[in-house]
């Protein structure tokens, strides 16, 4: 099962980090900036994945972000996914927006043809938009359902009290329910959850209350996030979570003198992220 593969790669590299690619012209270094955005961003993805392949266990791609660049963006995404597989990464793909059960059913059919190991979905339309993907879990894929996002205004809805629980906890319960019987050898379900790095209290509750959910901790780049808060997502063996960073790694070149050494700058940023996380998380 793919969740076992992710956990094993984290253990092997002693690094629970993930790199998120979501196209943004501001992330493209000067050396690639004259290319069309889809081409320049894809080149950045390829070079960073090559430079980080012995350091990071996983990469994540925004389907919607690449789709906004049109056909060239989707072509770039397909090529990057294939390269990520060739380089041995665990691959997470953010699904496009699913605003109806019919769209979810169509996406489950079409996305099976893309290269990925785990898929990020929103459960906030209910089970109708999750069930079409569950057969993929039985064929070895994993799902990560959005529960508590890292953005500042997430609390406006996701932290509201509904009965005896918060809204994001209800989303976690839905993930937990759909993941029953889909457990890997590592003890975690093929259906996991996405939770925000700044929301330490939510991470603690999710880790304690839903102890079979593998947590994708999103938003390590956010100003209110840090490695200590992220550590709340891990179990006592340092398992059960991966921490995702985007701009702090893809735009690390901005910390250099001229931006030409962008791969090395990203490697250094990823090494710092690993050191920070493993200061609080011991991976056994």
C-alpha atoms as a PDB file:
ATOM      1  CA  UNK A   1       0.000   0.000   0.000  1.00  0.00           C
ATOM      2  CA  UNK A   2       1.267   3.462  -0.818  1.00  0.00           C
ATOM      3  CA  UNK A   3       0.960   4.792   2.738  1.00  0.00           C
ATOM      4  CA  UNK A   4       3.501   2.139   3.797  1.00  0.00           C
ATOM      5  CA  UNK A   5       5.790   3.297   1.007  1.00  0.00           C
ATOM      6  CA  UNK A   6       5.595   6.897   2.204  1.00  0.00           C
ATOM      7  CA  UNK A   7       6.309   5.951   5.813  1.00  0.00           C
ATOM      8  CA  UNK A   8       9.206   3.741   4.782  1.00  0.00           C
ATOM      9  CA  UNK A   9      10.765   6.478   2.644  1.00  0.00           C
ATOM     10  CA  UNK A  10      10.501   8.896   5.571  1.00  0.00           C
ATOM     11  CA  UNK A  11      12.181   6.360   7.856  1.00  0.00           C
ATOM     12  CA  UNK A  12      14.930   5.640   5.339  1.00  0.00           C
ATOM     13  CA  UNK A  13      15.827   9.300   4.826  1.00  0.00           C
ATOM     14  CA  UNK A  14      15.051  10.287   8.444  1.00  0.00           C
ATOM     15  CA  UNK A  15      13.232  13.249   6.951  1.00  0.00           C
ATOM     16  CA  UNK A  16       9.463  13.879   7.204  1.00  0.00           C
ATOM     17  CA  UNK A  17       9.488  16.716   4.639  1.00  0.00           C
ATOM     18  CA  UNK A  18       7.571  17.223   1.402  1.00  0.00           C
ATOM     19  CA  UNK A  19       8.054  19.823  -1.343  1.00  0.00           C
ATOM     20  CA  UNK A  20       4.944  21.456  -2.834  1.00  0.00           C
ATOM     21  CA  UNK A  21       4.927  22.693  -6.431  1.00  0.00           C
ATOM     22  CA  UNK A  22       2.177  25.168  -7.304  1.00  0.00           C
ATOM     23  CA  UNK A  23       3.007  27.415 -10.297  1.00  0.00           C
ATOM     24  CA  UNK A  24       3.755  31.020  -9.435  1.00  0.00           C
ATOM     25  CA  UNK A  25       5.848  33.293 -11.585  1.00  0.00           C
ATOM     26  CA  UNK A  26       7.363  34.841  -8.476  1.00  0.00           C
ATOM     27  CA  UNK A  27       9.058  31.526  -7.666  1.00  0.00           C
ATOM     28  CA  UNK A  28      10.860  31.272 -11.018  1.00  0.00           C
ATOM     29  CA  UNK A  29      14.529  32.350 -10.740  1.00  0.00           C
ATOM     30  CA  UNK A  30      15.962  34.929 -13.156  1.00  0.00           C
ATOM     31  CA  UNK A  31      17.765  32.266 -15.183  1.00  0.00           C
ATOM     32  CA  UNK A  32      14.394  30.756 -16.178  1.00  0.00           C
ATOM     33  CA  UNK A  33      12.227  33.862 -16.101  1.00  0.00           C
ATOM     34  CA  UNK A  34      12.436  34.600 -19.844  1.00  0.00           C
ATOM     35  CA  UNK A  35      10.760  31.292 -20.691  1.00  0.00           C
ATOM     36  CA  UNK A  36       6.959  30.973 -20.878  1.00  0.00           C
ATOM     37  CA  UNK A  37       5.716  30.390 -17.329  1.00  0.00           C
ATOM     38  CA  UNK A  38       4.689  26.755 -17.856  1.00  0.00           C
ATOM     39  CA  UNK A  39       8.054  25.937 -19.391  1.00  0.00           C
ATOM     40  CA  UNK A  40      10.100  27.909 -16.869  1.00  0.00           C
ATOM     41  CA  UNK A  41       8.250  26.525 -13.856  1.00  0.00           C
ATOM     42  CA  UNK A  42       8.513  22.960 -15.175  1.00  0.00           C
ATOM     43  CA  UNK A  43      12.261  23.445 -15.603  1.00  0.00           C
ATOM     44  CA  UNK A  44      12.454  24.653 -11.994  1.00  0.00           C
ATOM     45  CA  UNK A  45      10.517  21.577 -10.826  1.00  0.00           C
ATOM     46  CA  UNK A  46      12.757  19.218 -12.746  1.00  0.00           C
ATOM     47  CA  UNK A  47      15.981  20.746 -11.493  1.00  0.00           C
ATOM     48  CA  UNK A  48      14.864  20.933  -7.871  1.00  0.00           C
ATOM     49  CA  UNK A  49      13.608  17.343  -7.887  1.00  0.00           C
ATOM     50  CA  UNK A  50      16.961  16.228  -9.288  1.00  0.00           C
ATOM     51  CA  UNK A  51      18.874  18.143  -6.648  1.00  0.00           C
ATOM     52  CA  UNK A  52      16.713  17.005  -3.736  1.00  0.00           C
ATOM     53  CA  UNK A  53      16.128  13.346  -4.622  1.00  0.00           C
ATOM     54  CA  UNK A  54      18.467  12.005  -1.926  1.00  0.00           C
ATOM     55  CA  UNK A  55      17.093  14.347   0.731  1.00  0.00           C
ATOM     56  CA  UNK A  56      13.300  14.517   0.391  1.00  0.00           C
ATOM     57  CA  UNK A  57      10.972  11.506   0.387  1.00  0.00           C
ATOM     58  CA  UNK A  58       7.966  13.170  -1.238  1.00  0.00           C
ATOM     59  CA  UNK A  59       6.766  15.872  -3.600  1.00  0.00           C
ATOM     60  CA  UNK A  60       3.325  17.375  -4.077  1.00  0.00           C
ATOM     61  CA  UNK A  61       1.795  19.053  -7.121  1.00  0.00           C
ATOM     62  CA  UNK A  62      -1.221  21.338  -7.518  1.00  0.00           C
ATOM     63  CA  UNK A  63      -3.326  20.056 -10.432  1.00  0.00           C
ATOM     64  CA  UNK A  64      -5.352  23.284 -10.424  1.00  0.00           C
ATOM     65  CA  UNK A  65      -2.263  25.474 -10.368  1.00  0.00           C
ATOM     66  CA  UNK A  66      -0.841  23.830 -13.473  1.00  0.00           C
ATOM     67  CA  UNK A  67      -4.261  23.718 -15.176  1.00  0.00           C
ATOM     68  CA  UNK A  68      -4.522  27.508 -14.890  1.00  0.00           C
ATOM     69  CA  UNK A  69      -1.575  27.709 -17.280  1.00  0.00           C
ATOM     70  CA  UNK A  70      -3.634  25.991 -19.967  1.00  0.00           C
ATOM     71  CA  UNK A  71      -2.640  22.992 -22.119  1.00  0.00           C
ATOM     72  CA  UNK A  72       1.059  23.809 -21.714  1.00  0.00           C
ATOM     73  CA  UNK A  73       0.628  23.690 -17.951  1.00  0.00           C
ATOM     74  CA  UNK A  74      -1.034  20.284 -17.969  1.00  0.00           C
ATOM     75  CA  UNK A  75       1.642  18.966 -20.312  1.00  0.00           C
ATOM     76  CA  UNK A  76       4.286  20.315 -17.922  1.00  0.00           C
ATOM     77  CA  UNK A  77       2.536  18.669 -14.971  1.00  0.00           C
ATOM     78  CA  UNK A  78       2.402  15.300 -16.709  1.00  0.00           C
ATOM     79  CA  UNK A  79       6.115  15.436 -17.466  1.00  0.00           C
ATOM     80  CA  UNK A  80       6.987  16.476 -13.914  1.00  0.00           C
ATOM     81  CA  UNK A  81       4.895  13.667 -12.424  1.00  0.00           C
ATOM     82  CA  UNK A  82       6.627  11.111 -14.633  1.00  0.00           C
ATOM     83  CA  UNK A  83      10.052  12.445 -13.636  1.00  0.00           C
ATOM     84  CA  UNK A  84       9.110  12.373  -9.945  1.00  0.00           C
ATOM     85  CA  UNK A  85       8.212   8.709 -10.312  1.00  0.00           C
ATOM     86  CA  UNK A  86      11.474   7.999 -12.144  1.00  0.00           C
ATOM     87  CA  UNK A  87      13.431   9.690  -9.344  1.00  0.00           C
ATOM     88  CA  UNK A  88      11.681   7.573  -6.710  1.00  0.00           C
ATOM     89  CA  UNK A  89       9.594  10.196  -4.925  1.00  0.00           C
ATOM     90  CA  UNK A  90       6.303   9.504  -3.214  1.00  0.00           C
ATOM     91  CA  UNK A  91       3.944  11.702  -5.248  1.00  0.00           C
ATOM     92  CA  UNK A  92       0.956  13.607  -3.895  1.00  0.00           C
ATOM     93  CA  UNK A  93      -1.409  15.344  -6.308  1.00  0.00           C
ATOM     94  CA  UNK A  94      -3.971  17.939  -5.268  1.00  0.00           C
ATOM     95  CA  UNK A  95      -7.179  17.059  -7.081  1.00  0.00           C
ATOM     96  CA  UNK A  96      -8.973  19.753  -9.090  1.00  0.00           C
ATOM     97  CA  UNK A  97     -11.958  21.389  -7.408  1.00  0.00           C
ATOM     98  CA  UNK A  98     -14.787  18.866  -7.088  1.00  0.00           C
ATOM     99  CA  UNK A  99     -18.017  20.807  -6.762  1.00  0.00           C
ATOM    100  CA  UNK A 100     -20.477  17.995  -7.419  1.00  0.00           C
ATOM    101  CA  UNK A 101     -20.698  14.213  -7.035  1.00  0.00           C
ATOM    102  CA  UNK A 102     -20.787  13.915 -10.834  1.00  0.00           C
ATOM    103  CA  UNK A 103     -17.492  15.785 -11.115  1.00  0.00           C
ATOM    104  CA  UNK A 104     -15.997  13.553  -8.423  1.00  0.00           C
ATOM    105  CA  UNK A 105     -17.007  10.418 -10.314  1.00  0.00           C
ATOM    106  CA  UNK A 106     -15.506  11.743 -13.536  1.00  0.00           C
ATOM    107  CA  UNK A 107     -12.322  12.826 -11.747  1.00  0.00           C
ATOM    108  CA  UNK A 108     -11.911   9.406 -10.121  1.00  0.00           C
ATOM    109  CA  UNK A 109     -11.987   7.820 -13.575  1.00  0.00           C
ATOM    110  CA  UNK A 110      -9.678  10.291 -15.270  1.00  0.00           C
ATOM    111  CA  UNK A 111      -7.150  10.870 -12.501  1.00  0.00           C
ATOM    112  CA  UNK A 112      -6.392   7.164 -12.320  1.00  0.00           C
ATOM    113  CA  UNK A 113      -4.536   7.690 -15.607  1.00  0.00           C
ATOM    114  CA  UNK A 114      -2.200  10.273 -14.048  1.00  0.00           C
ATOM    115  CA  UNK A 115       0.967   9.455 -12.089  1.00  0.00           C
ATOM    116  CA  UNK A 116       0.465   9.800  -8.340  1.00  0.00           C
ATOM    117  CA  UNK A 117       0.508   7.850  -5.070  1.00  0.00           C
ATOM    118  CA  UNK A 118      -1.663  10.071  -2.858  1.00  0.00           C
ATOM    119  CA  UNK A 119      -4.487  12.448  -3.746  1.00  0.00           C
ATOM    120  CA  UNK A 120      -5.638  15.502  -1.771  1.00  0.00           C
ATOM    121  CA  UNK A 121      -9.434  15.914  -1.714  1.00  0.00           C
ATOM    122  CA  UNK A 122     -11.910  18.141   0.079  1.00  0.00           C
ATOM    123  CA  UNK A 123     -14.574  16.187   2.005  1.00  0.00           C
ATOM    124  CA  UNK A 124     -16.716  19.249   2.636  1.00  0.00           C
ATOM    125  CA  UNK A 125     -19.328  18.189   0.072  1.00  0.00           C
ATOM    126  CA  UNK A 126     -19.715  14.995   2.086  1.00  0.00           C
ATOM    127  CA  UNK A 127     -19.143  11.345   1.278  1.00  0.00           C
ATOM    128  CA  UNK A 128     -20.523  11.686  -2.259  1.00  0.00           C
ATOM    129  CA  UNK A 129     -17.222  13.255  -3.301  1.00  0.00           C
ATOM    130  CA  UNK A 130     -15.050  10.747  -1.437  1.00  0.00           C
ATOM    131  CA  UNK A 131     -16.618   7.376  -2.249  1.00  0.00           C
ATOM    132  CA  UNK A 132     -15.718   7.383  -5.974  1.00  0.00           C
ATOM    133  CA  UNK A 133     -12.022   7.395  -5.004  1.00  0.00           C
ATOM    134  CA  UNK A 134     -12.137   4.590  -2.433  1.00  0.00           C
ATOM    135  CA  UNK A 135     -11.713   1.808  -5.022  1.00  0.00           C
ATOM    136  CA  UNK A 136      -8.369   3.411  -5.874  1.00  0.00           C
ATOM    137  CA  UNK A 137      -7.321   2.931  -2.242  1.00  0.00           C
ATOM    138  CA  UNK A 138      -8.072  -0.757  -2.545  1.00  0.00           C
ATOM    139  CA  UNK A 139      -5.711  -0.761  -5.536  1.00  0.00           C
ATOM    140  CA  UNK A 140      -2.896   0.770  -3.508  1.00  0.00           C
ATOM    141  CA  UNK A 141      -3.462   4.529  -3.747  1.00  0.00           C
ATOM    142  CA  UNK A 142      -3.920   6.879  -0.775  1.00  0.00           C
ATOM    143  CA  UNK A 143      -6.234   9.814  -0.106  1.00  0.00           C
ATOM    144  CA  UNK A 144      -5.643  12.850   2.097  1.00  0.00           C
ATOM    145  CA  UNK A 145      -8.838  14.659   3.032  1.00  0.00           C
ATOM    146  CA  UNK A 146      -8.698  18.341   3.926  1.00  0.00           C
ATOM    147  CA  UNK A 147      -9.656  18.801   7.562  1.00  0.00           C
ATOM    148  CA  UNK A 148      -8.055  21.929   9.055  1.00  0.00           C
ATOM    149  CA  UNK A 149      -6.336  24.169   6.484  1.00  0.00           C
ATOM    150  CA  UNK A 150      -3.402  26.480   7.389  1.00  0.00           C
ATOM    151  CA  UNK A 151      -4.782  29.796   6.091  1.00  0.00           C
ATOM    152  CA  UNK A 152      -5.568  32.576   8.568  1.00  0.00           C
ATOM    153  CA  UNK A 153      -9.347  32.602   8.036  1.00  0.00           C
ATOM    154  CA  UNK A 154      -9.758  28.801   8.317  1.00  0.00           C
ATOM    155  CA  UNK A 155     -11.105  29.163  11.850  1.00  0.00           C
ATOM    156  CA  UNK A 156     -14.122  31.122  10.562  1.00  0.00           C
ATOM    157  CA  UNK A 157     -15.716  27.842   9.480  1.00  0.00           C
ATOM    158  CA  UNK A 158     -13.450  24.925  10.327  1.00  0.00           C
ATOM    159  CA  UNK A 159     -13.195  25.663  14.065  1.00  0.00           C
ATOM    160  CA  UNK A 160     -16.908  26.250  14.617  1.00  0.00           C
ATOM    161  CA  UNK A 161     -18.559  24.027  17.187  1.00  0.00           C
ATOM    162  CA  UNK A 162     -21.061  21.531  15.818  1.00  0.00           C
ATOM    163  CA  UNK A 163     -22.577  19.420  18.579  1.00  0.00           C
ATOM    164  CA  UNK A 164     -19.692  18.213  20.742  1.00  0.00           C
ATOM    165  CA  UNK A 165     -16.976  18.606  18.126  1.00  0.00           C
ATOM    166  CA  UNK A 166     -15.454  21.183  15.814  1.00  0.00           C
ATOM    167  CA  UNK A 167     -16.215  21.188  12.103  1.00  0.00           C
ATOM    168  CA  UNK A 168     -12.698  20.072  11.141  1.00  0.00           C
ATOM    169  CA  UNK A 169     -13.003  17.191  13.592  1.00  0.00           C
ATOM    170  CA  UNK A 170     -16.171  16.096  11.806  1.00  0.00           C
ATOM    171  CA  UNK A 171     -14.149  16.056   8.576  1.00  0.00           C
ATOM    172  CA  UNK A 172     -11.485  13.960  10.326  1.00  0.00           C
ATOM    173  CA  UNK A 173     -14.144  11.529  11.522  1.00  0.00           C
ATOM    174  CA  UNK A 174     -15.357  11.152   7.948  1.00  0.00           C
ATOM    175  CA  UNK A 175     -11.797  10.332   6.847  1.00  0.00           C
ATOM    176  CA  UNK A 176     -11.404   7.910   9.730  1.00  0.00           C
ATOM    177  CA  UNK A 177     -14.679   6.190   8.847  1.00  0.00           C
ATOM    178  CA  UNK A 178     -13.838   5.781   5.163  1.00  0.00           C
ATOM    179  CA  UNK A 179     -10.389   4.481   6.020  1.00  0.00           C
ATOM    180  CA  UNK A 180     -11.583   1.580   8.159  1.00  0.00           C
ATOM    181  CA  UNK A 181     -10.263  -1.700   6.798  1.00  0.00           C
ATOM    182  CA  UNK A 182      -7.725   0.083   4.582  1.00  0.00           C
ATOM    183  CA  UNK A 183      -4.802  -0.080   7.009  1.00  0.00           C
ATOM    184  CA  UNK A 184      -1.228  -0.547   5.909  1.00  0.00           C
ATOM    185  CA  UNK A 185       1.473  -2.525   7.662  1.00  0.00           C
ATOM    186  CA  UNK A 186       2.616   0.711   9.321  1.00  0.00           C
ATOM    187  CA  UNK A 187      -0.748   0.884  11.119  1.00  0.00           C
ATOM    188  CA  UNK A 188      -2.040   3.938   9.286  1.00  0.00           C
ATOM    189  CA  UNK A 189      -4.973   4.072   6.917  1.00  0.00           C
ATOM    190  CA  UNK A 190      -4.874   4.652   3.178  1.00  0.00           C
ATOM    191  CA  UNK A 191      -7.272   7.531   3.884  1.00  0.00           C
ATOM    192  CA  UNK A 192      -5.419  10.258   5.760  1.00  0.00           C
ATOM    193  CA  UNK A 193      -6.014  13.909   6.531  1.00  0.00           C
ATOM    194  CA  UNK A 194      -4.536  17.305   5.716  1.00  0.00           C
ATOM    195  CA  UNK A 195      -4.072  19.618   8.692  1.00  0.00           C
ATOM    196  CA  UNK A 196      -2.529  23.077   8.973  1.00  0.00           C
ATOM    197  CA  UNK A 197       0.925  23.557  10.444  1.00  0.00           C
ATOM    198  CA  UNK A 198      -0.048  26.750  12.349  1.00  0.00           C
ATOM    199  CA  UNK A 199      -2.953  24.992  14.115  1.00  0.00           C
ATOM    200  CA  UNK A 200      -1.039  23.201  16.879  1.00  0.00           C
ATOM    201  CA  UNK A 201      -4.130  22.450  18.981  1.00  0.00           C
ATOM    202  CA  UNK A 202      -5.840  20.836  15.996  1.00  0.00           C
ATOM    203  CA  UNK A 203      -2.759  18.737  15.251  1.00  0.00           C
ATOM    204  CA  UNK A 204      -2.617  17.495  18.838  1.00  0.00           C
ATOM    205  CA  UNK A 205      -6.300  16.543  18.817  1.00  0.00           C
ATOM    206  CA  UNK A 206      -6.137  14.836  15.437  1.00  0.00           C
ATOM    207  CA  UNK A 207      -3.062  12.833  16.409  1.00  0.00           C
ATOM    208  CA  UNK A 208      -4.614  11.734  19.723  1.00  0.00           C
ATOM    209  CA  UNK A 209      -8.237  11.185  18.746  1.00  0.00           C
ATOM    210  CA  UNK A 210      -7.786   9.784  15.242  1.00  0.00           C
ATOM    211  CA  UNK A 211      -4.672   7.717  15.712  1.00  0.00           C
ATOM    212  CA  UNK A 212      -5.013   5.732  12.474  1.00  0.00           C
ATOM    213  CA  UNK A 213      -4.991   8.826  10.256  1.00  0.00           C
ATOM    214  CA  UNK A 214      -1.730   9.672   8.521  1.00  0.00           C
ATOM    215  CA  UNK A 215      -1.451  13.480   8.622  1.00  0.00           C
ATOM    216  CA  UNK A 216      -0.202  15.658   5.804  1.00  0.00           C
ATOM    217  CA  UNK A 217       0.814  18.814   7.663  1.00  0.00           C
ATOM    218  CA  UNK A 218       0.341  21.738   5.291  1.00  0.00           C
ATOM    219  CA  UNK A 219       1.667  25.291   5.512  1.00  0.00           C
ATOM    220  CA  UNK A 220       5.135  24.959   7.021  1.00  0.00           C
ATOM    221  CA  UNK A 221       5.938  28.203   5.147  1.00  0.00           C
ATOM    222  CA  UNK A 222       3.290  30.213   6.975  1.00  0.00           C
ATOM    223  CA  UNK A 223       4.657  32.858   9.383  1.00  0.00           C
ATOM    224  CA  UNK A 224       2.679  31.393  12.286  1.00  0.00           C
ATOM    225  CA  UNK A 225       3.991  27.854  11.696  1.00  0.00           C
ATOM    226  CA  UNK A 226       7.147  26.274  13.052  1.00  0.00           C
ATOM    227  CA  UNK A 227       8.756  22.872  13.522  1.00  0.00           C
ATOM    228  CA  UNK A 228       7.704  22.597  17.159  1.00  0.00           C
ATOM    229  CA  UNK A 229       4.016  23.011  16.270  1.00  0.00           C
ATOM    230  CA  UNK A 230       4.373  20.488  13.441  1.00  0.00           C
ATOM    231  CA  UNK A 231       5.826  17.919  15.833  1.00  0.00           C
ATOM    232  CA  UNK A 232       2.373  17.530  17.424  1.00  0.00           C
ATOM    233  CA  UNK A 233       1.294  15.599  14.314  1.00  0.00           C
ATOM    234  CA  UNK A 234       3.704  12.694  14.920  1.00  0.00           C
ATOM    235  CA  UNK A 235       3.270   9.650  17.099  1.00  0.00           C
ATOM    236  CA  UNK A 236       5.799   8.604  19.760  1.00  0.00           C
ATOM    237  CA  UNK A 237       7.880   6.747  17.149  1.00  0.00           C
ATOM    238  CA  UNK A 238       8.108   9.810  14.906  1.00  0.00           C
ATOM    239  CA  UNK A 239       5.697   8.219  12.445  1.00  0.00           C
ATOM    240  CA  UNK A 240       2.305   9.089  11.017  1.00  0.00           C
ATOM    241  CA  UNK A 241       2.922  12.489   9.438  1.00  0.00           C
ATOM    242  CA  UNK A 242       4.720  14.387   6.704  1.00  0.00           C
ATOM    243  CA  UNK A 243       5.272  18.163   6.656  1.00  0.00           C
ATOM    244  CA  UNK A 244       4.771  20.119   3.436  1.00  0.00           C
ATOM    245  CA  UNK A 245       6.624  23.282   2.427  1.00  0.00           C
ATOM    246  CA  UNK A 246       6.345  25.235  -0.808  1.00  0.00           C
ATOM    247  CA  UNK A 247       7.653  28.755  -1.271  1.00  0.00           C
ATOM    248  CA  UNK A 248      10.404  28.473   1.357  1.00  0.00           C
ATOM    249  CA  UNK A 249      12.021  25.768  -0.806  1.00  0.00           C
ATOM    250  CA  UNK A 250      11.083  26.786  -4.347  1.00  0.00           C
ATOM    251  CA  UNK A 251      11.959  30.447  -3.717  1.00  0.00           C
ATOM    252  CA  UNK A 252      15.029  29.810  -1.574  1.00  0.00           C
ATOM    253  CA  UNK A 253      17.123  31.335  -4.389  1.00  0.00           C
ATOM    254  CA  UNK A 254      15.943  34.764  -3.228  1.00  0.00           C
ATOM    255  CA  UNK A 255      18.229  34.387  -0.219  1.00  0.00           C
ATOM    256  CA  UNK A 256      21.284  34.228  -2.490  1.00  0.00           C
ATOM    257  CA  UNK A 257      23.198  37.019  -4.179  1.00  0.00           C
ATOM    258  CA  UNK A 258      21.843  36.751  -7.735  1.00  0.00           C
ATOM    259  CA  UNK A 259      19.472  33.795  -7.883  1.00  0.00           C
ATOM    260  CA  UNK A 260      21.644  31.725 -10.219  1.00  0.00           C
ATOM    261  CA  UNK A 261      22.456  29.089  -7.604  1.00  0.00           C
ATOM    262  CA  UNK A 262      18.779  28.222  -7.079  1.00  0.00           C
ATOM    263  CA  UNK A 263      19.163  24.441  -6.793  1.00  0.00           C
ATOM    264  CA  UNK A 264      21.859  24.678  -4.128  1.00  0.00           C
ATOM    265  CA  UNK A 265      19.853  27.310  -2.243  1.00  0.00           C
ATOM    266  CA  UNK A 266      16.839  24.981  -2.213  1.00  0.00           C
ATOM    267  CA  UNK A 267      18.979  22.074  -1.010  1.00  0.00           C
ATOM    268  CA  UNK A 268      20.259  24.199   1.855  1.00  0.00           C
ATOM    269  CA  UNK A 269      16.718  25.298   2.754  1.00  0.00           C
ATOM    270  CA  UNK A 270      15.530  21.672   2.714  1.00  0.00           C
ATOM    271  CA  UNK A 271      18.425  20.660   4.960  1.00  0.00           C
ATOM    272  CA  UNK A 272      17.480  23.407   7.434  1.00  0.00           C
ATOM    273  CA  UNK A 273      13.864  22.239   7.384  1.00  0.00           C
ATOM    274  CA  UNK A 274      14.974  18.688   8.112  1.00  0.00           C
ATOM    275  CA  UNK A 275      17.191  19.828  10.992  1.00  0.00           C
ATOM    276  CA  UNK A 276      14.405  21.928  12.462  1.00  0.00           C
ATOM    277  CA  UNK A 277      11.852  19.115  12.300  1.00  0.00           C
ATOM    278  CA  UNK A 278      14.160  16.425  13.633  1.00  0.00           C
ATOM    279  CA  UNK A 279      15.055  18.652  16.567  1.00  0.00           C
ATOM    280  CA  UNK A 280      11.530  17.882  17.832  1.00  0.00           C
ATOM    281  CA  UNK A 281      10.764  14.595  16.034  1.00  0.00           C
ATOM    282  CA  UNK A 282      12.881  11.460  16.432  1.00  0.00           C
ATOM    283  CA  UNK A 283      12.114   9.014  13.632  1.00  0.00           C
ATOM    284  CA  UNK A 284      12.629   5.430  14.767  1.00  0.00           C
END
